[in-house]
PDB file of N, CA and C in Angstrom:
ATOM      1  N   UNK A   1     -22.912  11.308  95.895  1.00  0.00           N
ATOM      2  CA  UNK A   1     -22.195  10.977  97.112  1.00  0.00           C
ATOM      3  C   UNK A   1     -22.437  12.043  98.189  1.00  0.00           C
ATOM      4  N   UNK A   2     -22.467  13.296  97.787  1.00  0.00           N
ATOM      5  CA  UNK A   2     -22.690  14.379  98.739  1.00  0.00           C
ATOM      6  C   UNK A   2     -24.100  14.301  99.326  1.00  0.00           C
ATOM      7  N   UNK A   3     -25.061  13.921  98.509  1.00  0.00           N
ATOM      8  CA  UNK A   3     -26.438  13.765  98.986  1.00  0.00           C
ATOM      9  C   UNK A   3     -26.517  12.648 100.022  1.00  0.00           C
ATOM     10  N   UNK A   4     -25.853  11.511  99.770  1.00  0.00           N
ATOM     11  CA  UNK A   4     -25.867  10.399 100.727  1.00  0.00           C
ATOM     12  C   UNK A   4     -25.219  10.799 102.045  1.00  0.00           C
ATOM     13  N   UNK A   5     -24.151  11.568 101.974  1.00  0.00           N
ATOM     14  CA  UNK A   5     -23.483  12.006 103.196  1.00  0.00           C
ATOM     15  C   UNK A   5     -24.393  12.943 103.997  1.00  0.00           C
ATOM     16  N   UNK A   6     -25.085  13.838 103.319  1.00  0.00           N
ATOM     17  CA  UNK A   6     -26.019  14.746 103.995  1.00  0.00           C
ATOM     18  C   UNK A   6     -27.184  13.969 104.609  1.00  0.00           C
ATOM     19  N   UNK A   7     -27.717  13.009 103.868  1.00  0.00           N
ATOM     20  CA  UNK A   7     -28.804  12.179 104.402  1.00  0.00           C
ATOM     21  C   UNK A   7     -28.330  11.342 105.588  1.00  0.00           C
ATOM     22  N   UNK A   8     -27.090  10.866 105.519  1.00  0.00           N
ATOM     23  CA  UNK A   8     -26.528  10.085 106.618  1.00  0.00           C
ATOM     24  C   UNK A   8     -26.461  10.927 107.888  1.00  0.00           C
ATOM     25  N   UNK A   9     -25.918  12.138 107.795  1.00  0.00           N
ATOM     26  CA  UNK A   9     -25.817  12.996 108.978  1.00  0.00           C
ATOM     27  C   UNK A   9     -27.189  13.427 109.480  1.00  0.00           C
ATOM     28  N   UNK A  10     -28.127  13.644 108.595  1.00  0.00           N
ATOM     29  CA  UNK A  10     -29.487  13.982 109.003  1.00  0.00           C
ATOM     30  C   UNK A  10     -30.147  12.809 109.733  1.00  0.00           C
ATOM     31  N   UNK A  11     -29.905  11.604 109.245  1.00  0.00           N
ATOM     32  CA  UNK A  11     -30.453  10.410 109.893  1.00  0.00           C
ATOM     33  C   UNK A  11     -29.877  10.225 111.291  1.00  0.00           C
ATOM     34  N   UNK A  12     -28.565  10.373 111.420  1.00  0.00           N
ATOM     35  CA  UNK A  12     -27.929  10.218 112.730  1.00  0.00           C
ATOM     36  C   UNK A  12     -28.424  11.297 113.693  1.00  0.00           C
ATOM     37  N   UNK A  13     -28.553  12.528 113.222  1.00  0.00           N
ATOM     38  CA  UNK A  13     -29.040  13.609 114.085  1.00  0.00           C
ATOM     39  C   UNK A  13     -30.480  13.366 114.515  1.00  0.00           C
ATOM     40  N   UNK A  14     -31.350  12.897 113.600  1.00  0.00           N
ATOM     41  CA  UNK A  14     -32.729  12.631 113.996  1.00  0.00           C
ATOM     42  C   UNK A  14     -32.835  11.441 114.928  1.00  0.00           C
ATOM     43  N   UNK A  15     -31.935  10.486 114.775  1.00  0.00           N
ATOM     44  CA  UNK A  15     -31.923   9.345 115.678  1.00  0.00           C
ATOM     45  C   UNK A  15     -31.546   9.787 117.095  1.00  0.00           C
ATOM     46  N   UNK A  16     -30.513  10.627 117.202  1.00  0.00           N
ATOM     47  CA  UNK A  16     -30.123  11.154 118.514  1.00  0.00           C
ATOM     48  C   UNK A  16     -31.264  11.977 119.129  1.00  0.00           C
ATOM     49  N   UNK A  17     -31.959  12.750 118.316  1.00  0.00           N
ATOM     50  CA  UNK A  17     -33.074  13.554 118.801  1.00  0.00           C
ATOM     51  C   UNK A  17     -34.214  12.668 119.300  1.00  0.00           C
ATOM     52  N   UNK A  18     -34.494  11.589 118.595  1.00  0.00           N
ATOM     53  CA  UNK A  18     -35.560  10.669 119.023  1.00  0.00           C
ATOM     54  C   UNK A  18     -35.204   9.999 120.348  1.00  0.00           C
ATOM     55  N   UNK A  19     -33.952   9.566 120.476  1.00  0.00           N
ATOM     56  CA  UNK A  19     -33.510   8.935 121.737  1.00  0.00           C
ATOM     57  C   UNK A  19     -33.622   9.934 122.886  1.00  0.00           C
ATOM     58  N   UNK A  20     -33.165  11.158 122.661  1.00  0.00           N
ATOM     59  CA  UNK A  20     -33.247  12.190 123.687  1.00  0.00           C
ATOM     60  C   UNK A  20     -34.702  12.489 124.041  1.00  0.00           C
ATOM     61  N   UNK A  21     -35.573  12.512 123.049  1.00  0.00           N
ATOM     62  CA  UNK A  21     -36.992  12.730 123.303  1.00  0.00           C
ATOM     63  C   UNK A  21     -37.606  11.633 124.148  1.00  0.00           C
ATOM     64  N   UNK A  22     -37.239  10.375 123.876  1.00  0.00           N
ATOM     65  CA  UNK A  22     -37.743   9.273 124.692  1.00  0.00           C
ATOM     66  C   UNK A  22     -37.249   9.388 126.128  1.00  0.00           C
ATOM     67  N   UNK A  23     -35.973   9.743 126.293  1.00  0.00           N
ATOM     68  CA  UNK A  23     -35.396   9.843 127.644  1.00  0.00           C
ATOM     69  C   UNK A  23     -36.040  10.986 128.424  1.00  0.00           C
ATOM     70  N   UNK A  24     -36.258  12.115 127.785  1.00  0.00           N
ATOM     71  CA  UNK A  24     -36.825  13.268 128.485  1.00  0.00           C
ATOM     72  C   UNK A  24     -38.330  13.162 128.693  1.00  0.00           C
ATOM     73  N   UNK A  25     -39.035  12.517 127.793  1.00  0.00           N
ATOM     74  CA  UNK A  25     -40.491  12.478 127.912  1.00  0.00           C
ATOM     75  C   UNK A  25     -40.983  11.473 128.959  1.00  0.00           C
ATOM     76  N   UNK A  26     -40.210  10.444 129.210  1.00  0.00           N
ATOM     77  CA  UNK A  26     -40.673   9.420 130.155  1.00  0.00           C
ATOM     78  C   UNK A  26     -40.925   9.978 131.552  1.00  0.00           C
ATOM     79  N   UNK A  27     -39.961  10.683 132.185  1.00  0.00           N
ATOM     80  CA  UNK A  27     -40.265  11.225 133.520  1.00  0.00           C
ATOM     81  C   UNK A  27     -41.354  12.297 133.499  1.00  0.00           C
ATOM     82  N   UNK A  28     -41.436  13.069 132.423  1.00  0.00           N
ATOM     83  CA  UNK A  28     -42.469  14.101 132.358  1.00  0.00           C
ATOM     84  C   UNK A  28     -43.861  13.497 132.283  1.00  0.00           C
ATOM     85  N   UNK A  29     -43.997  12.403 131.566  1.00  0.00           N
ATOM     86  CA  UNK A  29     -45.296  11.725 131.496  1.00  0.00           C
ATOM     87  C   UNK A  29     -45.666  11.166 132.863  1.00  0.00           C
ATOM     88  N   UNK A  30     -44.683  10.606 133.561  1.00  0.00           N
ATOM     89  CA  UNK A  30     -44.950  10.048 134.900  1.00  0.00           C
ATOM     90  C   UNK A  30     -45.385  11.151 135.859  1.00  0.00           C
ATOM     91  N   UNK A  31     -44.746  12.316 135.788  1.00  0.00           N
ATOM     92  CA  UNK A  31     -45.039  13.401 136.729  1.00  0.00           C
ATOM     93  C   UNK A  31     -46.379  14.076 136.433  1.00  0.00           C
ATOM     94  N   UNK A  32     -46.658  14.364 135.165  1.00  0.00           N
ATOM     95  CA  UNK A  32     -47.788  15.227 134.830  1.00  0.00           C
ATOM     96  C   UNK A  32     -49.071  14.508 134.423  1.00  0.00           C
ATOM     97  N   UNK A  33     -49.039  13.221 134.255  1.00  0.00           N
ATOM     98  CA  UNK A  33     -50.247  12.510 133.848  1.00  0.00           C
ATOM     99  C   UNK A  33     -50.699  11.567 134.965  1.00  0.00           C
ATOM    100  N   UNK A  34     -51.989  11.270 135.024  1.00  0.00           N
ATOM    101  CA  UNK A  34     -52.460  10.285 136.009  1.00  0.00           C
ATOM    102  C   UNK A  34     -51.913   8.895 135.674  1.00  0.00           C
ATOM    103  N   UNK A  35     -51.913   8.031 136.644  1.00  0.00           N
ATOM    104  CA  UNK A  35     -51.291   6.706 136.513  1.00  0.00           C
ATOM    105  C   UNK A  35     -51.917   5.886 135.392  1.00  0.00           C
ATOM    106  N   UNK A  36     -53.250   5.979 135.201  1.00  0.00           N
ATOM    107  CA  UNK A  36     -53.888   5.172 134.160  1.00  0.00           C
ATOM    108  C   UNK A  36     -53.541   5.666 132.745  1.00  0.00           C
ATOM    109  N   UNK A  37     -53.020   6.874 132.635  1.00  0.00           N
ATOM    110  CA  UNK A  37     -52.548   7.368 131.352  1.00  0.00           C
ATOM    111  C   UNK A  37     -51.047   7.119 131.197  1.00  0.00           C
ATOM    112  N   UNK A  38     -50.291   7.378 132.268  1.00  0.00           N
ATOM    113  CA  UNK A  38     -48.829   7.302 132.168  1.00  0.00           C
ATOM    114  C   UNK A  38     -48.302   5.871 132.101  1.00  0.00           C
ATOM    115  N   UNK A  39     -48.941   4.932 132.759  1.00  0.00           N
ATOM    116  CA  UNK A  39     -48.432   3.560 132.770  1.00  0.00           C
ATOM    117  C   UNK A  39     -48.376   2.930 131.375  1.00  0.00           C
ATOM    118  N   UNK A  40     -49.446   2.995 130.571  1.00  0.00           N
ATOM    119  CA  UNK A  40     -49.330   2.434 129.214  1.00  0.00           C
ATOM    120  C   UNK A  40     -48.328   3.181 128.337  1.00  0.00           C
ATOM    121  N   UNK A  41     -48.267   4.496 128.470  1.00  0.00           N
ATOM    122  CA  UNK A  41     -47.342   5.274 127.639  1.00  0.00           C
ATOM    123  C   UNK A  41     -45.900   4.973 128.008  1.00  0.00           C
ATOM    124  N   UNK A  42     -45.599   4.934 129.302  1.00  0.00           N
ATOM    125  CA  UNK A  42     -44.231   4.652 129.744  1.00  0.00           C
ATOM    126  C   UNK A  42     -43.826   3.226 129.390  1.00  0.00           C
ATOM    127  N   UNK A  43     -44.727   2.276 129.528  1.00  0.00           N
ATOM    128  CA  UNK A  43     -44.378   0.902 129.159  1.00  0.00           C
ATOM    129  C   UNK A  43     -44.134   0.785 127.657  1.00  0.00           C
ATOM    130  N   UNK A  44     -44.867   1.529 126.852  1.00  0.00           N
ATOM    131  CA  UNK A  44     -44.646   1.533 125.410  1.00  0.00           C
ATOM    132  C   UNK A  44     -43.300   2.170 125.066  1.00  0.00           C
ATOM    133  N   UNK A  45     -42.949   3.263 125.739  1.00  0.00           N
ATOM    134  CA  UNK A  45     -41.649   3.913 125.515  1.00  0.00           C
ATOM    135  C   UNK A  45     -40.509   2.974 125.901  1.00  0.00           C
ATOM    136  N   UNK A  46     -40.619   2.306 127.036  1.00  0.00           N
ATOM    137  CA  UNK A  46     -39.578   1.367 127.476  1.00  0.00           C
ATOM    138  C   UNK A  46     -39.467   0.205 126.495  1.00  0.00           C
ATOM    139  N   UNK A  47     -40.582  -0.278 125.993  1.00  0.00           N
ATOM    140  CA  UNK A  47     -40.553  -1.351 125.000  1.00  0.00           C
ATOM    141  C   UNK A  47     -39.847  -0.897 123.720  1.00  0.00           C
ATOM    142  N   UNK A  48     -40.114   0.323 123.282  1.00  0.00           N
ATOM    143  CA  UNK A  48     -39.460   0.832 122.076  1.00  0.00           C
ATOM    144  C   UNK A  48     -37.962   0.996 122.262  1.00  0.00           C
ATOM    145  N   UNK A  49     -37.542   1.470 123.434  1.00  0.00           N
ATOM    146  CA  UNK A  49     -36.121   1.720 123.663  1.00  0.00           C
ATOM    147  C   UNK A  49     -35.357   0.413 123.853  1.00  0.00           C
ATOM    148  N   UNK A  50     -35.887  -0.508 124.644  1.00  0.00           N
ATOM    149  CA  UNK A  50     -35.147  -1.722 124.990  1.00  0.00           C
ATOM    150  C   UNK A  50     -35.625  -2.980 124.277  1.00  0.00           C
ATOM    151  N   UNK A  51     -36.626  -2.874 123.437  1.00  0.00           N
ATOM    152  CA  UNK A  51     -37.164  -4.042 122.747  1.00  0.00           C
ATOM    153  C   UNK A  51     -36.244  -4.526 121.638  1.00  0.00           C
ATOM    154  N   UNK A  52     -36.556  -5.663 121.103  1.00  0.00           N
ATOM    155  CA  UNK A  52     -35.761  -6.262 120.038  1.00  0.00           C
ATOM    156  C   UNK A  52     -36.309  -5.937 118.654  1.00  0.00           C
ATOM    157  N   UNK A  53     -36.914  -4.752 118.507  1.00  0.00           N
ATOM    158  CA  UNK A  53     -37.426  -4.375 117.202  1.00  0.00           C
ATOM    159  C   UNK A  53     -36.303  -3.806 116.347  1.00  0.00           C
ATOM    160  N   UNK A  54     -36.485  -3.850 115.060  1.00  0.00           N
ATOM    161  CA  UNK A  54     -35.552  -3.186 114.158  1.00  0.00           C
ATOM    162  C   UNK A  54     -36.048  -1.769 113.943  1.00  0.00           C
ATOM    163  N   UNK A  55     -35.258  -0.818 114.389  1.00  0.00           N
ATOM    164  CA  UNK A  55     -35.629   0.587 114.243  1.00  0.00           C
ATOM    165  C   UNK A  55     -35.497   0.997 112.776  1.00  0.00           C
ATOM    166  N   UNK A  56     -36.505   1.651 112.219  1.00  0.00           N
ATOM    167  CA  UNK A  56     -36.416   2.075 110.824  1.00  0.00           C
ATOM    168  C   UNK A  56     -35.260   3.040 110.568  1.00  0.00           C
ATOM    169  N   UNK A  57     -34.925   3.867 111.533  1.00  0.00           N
ATOM    170  CA  UNK A  57     -33.800   4.790 111.345  1.00  0.00           C
ATOM    171  C   UNK A  57     -32.473   4.048 111.298  1.00  0.00           C
ATOM    172  N   UNK A  58     -32.332   2.974 112.081  1.00  0.00           N
ATOM    173  CA  UNK A  58     -31.101   2.181 112.040  1.00  0.00           C
ATOM    174  C   UNK A  58     -30.987   1.462 110.701  1.00  0.00           C
ATOM    175  N   UNK A  59     -32.090   0.950 110.201  1.00  0.00           N
ATOM    176  CA  UNK A  59     -32.078   0.286 108.894  1.00  0.00           C
ATOM    177  C   UNK A  59     -31.687   1.283 107.804  1.00  0.00           C
ATOM    178  N   UNK A  60     -32.263   2.472 107.850  1.00  0.00           N
ATOM    179  CA  UNK A  60     -31.949   3.492 106.857  1.00  0.00           C
ATOM    180  C   UNK A  60     -30.490   3.942 106.982  1.00  0.00           C
ATOM    181  N   UNK A  61     -30.018   4.064 108.240  1.00  0.00           N
ATOM    182  CA  UNK A  61     -28.615   4.436 108.445  1.00  0.00           C
ATOM    183  C   UNK A  61     -27.680   3.374 107.873  1.00  0.00           C
ATOM    184  N   UNK A  62     -28.009   2.103 108.035  1.00  0.00           N
ATOM    185  CA  UNK A  62     -27.168   1.039 107.481  1.00  0.00           C
ATOM    186  C   UNK A  62     -27.165   1.057 105.950  1.00  0.00           C
ATOM    187  N   UNK A  63     -28.287   1.393 105.339  1.00  0.00           N
ATOM    188  CA  UNK A  63     -28.328   1.514 103.877  1.00  0.00           C
ATOM    189  C   UNK A  63     -27.410   2.649 103.423  1.00  0.00           C
ATOM    190  N   UNK A  64     -27.494   3.786 104.117  1.00  0.00           N
ATOM    191  CA  UNK A  64     -26.636   4.921 103.769  1.00  0.00           C
ATOM    192  C   UNK A  64     -25.169   4.612 104.063  1.00  0.00           C
ATOM    193  N   UNK A  65     -24.899   3.868 105.153  1.00  0.00           N
ATOM    194  CA  UNK A  65     -23.522   3.478 105.460  1.00  0.00           C
ATOM    195  C   UNK A  65     -22.946   2.598 104.350  1.00  0.00           C
ATOM    196  N   UNK A  66     -23.754   1.676 103.844  1.00  0.00           N
ATOM    197  CA  UNK A  66     -23.292   0.786 102.777  1.00  0.00           C
ATOM    198  C   UNK A  66     -22.955   1.595 101.522  1.00  0.00           C
ATOM    199  N   UNK A  67     -23.792   2.567 101.193  1.00  0.00           N
ATOM    200  CA  UNK A  67     -23.546   3.389 100.006  1.00  0.00           C
ATOM    201  C   UNK A  67     -22.322   4.291 100.181  1.00  0.00           C
ATOM    202  N   UNK A  68     -22.008   4.650 101.435  1.00  0.00           N
ATOM    203  CA  UNK A  68     -20.846   5.499 101.699  1.00  0.00           C
ATOM    204  C   UNK A  68     -19.582   4.687 101.969  1.00  0.00           C
ATOM    205  N   UNK A  69     -19.686   3.352 102.006  1.00  0.00           N
ATOM    206  CA  UNK A  69     -18.528   2.498 102.238  1.00  0.00           C
ATOM    207  C   UNK A  69     -18.149   2.372 103.700  1.00  0.00           C
ATOM    208  N   UNK A  70     -19.074   2.653 104.612  1.00  0.00           N
ATOM    209  CA  UNK A  70     -18.815   2.544 106.048  1.00  0.00           C
ATOM    210  C   UNK A  70     -19.325   1.190 106.534  1.00  0.00           C
ATOM    211  N   UNK A  71     -18.794   0.703 107.668  1.00  0.00           N
ATOM    212  CA  UNK A  71     -19.263  -0.596 108.189  1.00  0.00           C
ATOM    213  C   UNK A  71     -20.677  -0.505 108.757  1.00  0.00           C
ATOM    214  N   UNK A  72     -21.381  -1.613 108.691  1.00  0.00           N
ATOM    215  CA  UNK A  72     -22.753  -1.715 109.191  1.00  0.00           C
ATOM    216  C   UNK A  72     -22.733  -1.722 110.718  1.00  0.00           C
ATOM    217  N   UNK A  73     -23.763  -1.144 111.334  1.00  0.00           N
ATOM    218  CA  UNK A  73     -23.891  -1.194 112.790  1.00  0.00           C
ATOM    219  C   UNK A  73     -25.038  -2.130 113.138  1.00  0.00           C
ATOM    220  N   UNK A  74     -24.954  -2.744 114.332  1.00  0.00           N
ATOM    221  CA  UNK A  74     -26.038  -3.636 114.765  1.00  0.00           C
ATOM    222  C   UNK A  74     -27.135  -2.849 115.473  1.00  0.00           C
ATOM    223  N   UNK A  75     -26.747  -2.070 116.478  1.00  0.00           N
ATOM    224  CA  UNK A  75     -27.727  -1.252 117.187  1.00  0.00           C
ATOM    225  C   UNK A  75     -27.170   0.148 117.357  1.00  0.00           C
ATOM    226  N   UNK A  76     -28.055   1.111 117.339  1.00  0.00           N
ATOM    227  CA  UNK A  76     -27.663   2.510 117.415  1.00  0.00           C
ATOM    228  C   UNK A  76     -27.069   2.852 118.780  1.00  0.00           C
ATOM    229  N   UNK A  77     -27.726   2.411 119.846  1.00  0.00           N
ATOM    230  CA  UNK A  77     -27.281   2.764 121.192  1.00  0.00           C
ATOM    231  C   UNK A  77     -25.923   2.150 121.494  1.00  0.00           C
ATOM    232  N   UNK A  78     -25.711   0.893 121.112  1.00  0.00           N
ATOM    233  CA  UNK A  78     -24.408   0.277 121.353  1.00  0.00           C
ATOM    234  C   UNK A  78     -23.309   0.959 120.552  1.00  0.00           C
ATOM    235  N   UNK A  79     -23.620   1.367 119.343  1.00  0.00           N
ATOM    236  CA  UNK A  79     -22.588   1.967 118.480  1.00  0.00           C
ATOM    237  C   UNK A  79     -22.198   3.370 118.947  1.00  0.00           C
ATOM    238  N   UNK A  80     -23.183   4.188 119.305  1.00  0.00           N
ATOM    239  CA  UNK A  80     -22.894   5.585 119.615  1.00  0.00           C
ATOM    240  C   UNK A  80     -22.741   5.886 121.111  1.00  0.00           C
ATOM    241  N   UNK A  81     -23.365   5.097 121.978  1.00  0.00           N
ATOM    242  CA  UNK A  81     -23.341   5.417 123.408  1.00  0.00           C
ATOM    243  C   UNK A  81     -22.565   4.415 124.250  1.00  0.00           C
ATOM    244  N   UNK A  82     -22.506   3.161 123.860  1.00  0.00           N
ATOM    245  CA  UNK A  82     -21.879   2.127 124.697  1.00  0.00           C
ATOM    246  C   UNK A  82     -20.655   1.535 124.004  1.00  0.00           C
ATOM    247  N   UNK A  83     -19.739   2.361 123.576  1.00  0.00           N
ATOM    248  CA  UNK A  83     -18.571   1.864 122.855  1.00  0.00           C
ATOM    249  C   UNK A  83     -17.644   1.067 123.750  1.00  0.00           C
TER     250      UNK A  83
END
């Protein structure tokens, strides 16, 4: 049980770090790269953040939540940022 709790907190922390990385890297790519490089990268980042894909970290977090007896979440951003 202690291992699952540690893995759960590690998963949530890495998820927050990934979201923060996407938010911070997008303007930096736009500023420091030429348009033919930044446009595909920024569109890919926007697709990852707002797309309808199932994030592997959210799936893993839901597995750990089930093992810890916590309720399942649908999306990470809605659960932690848009309450």
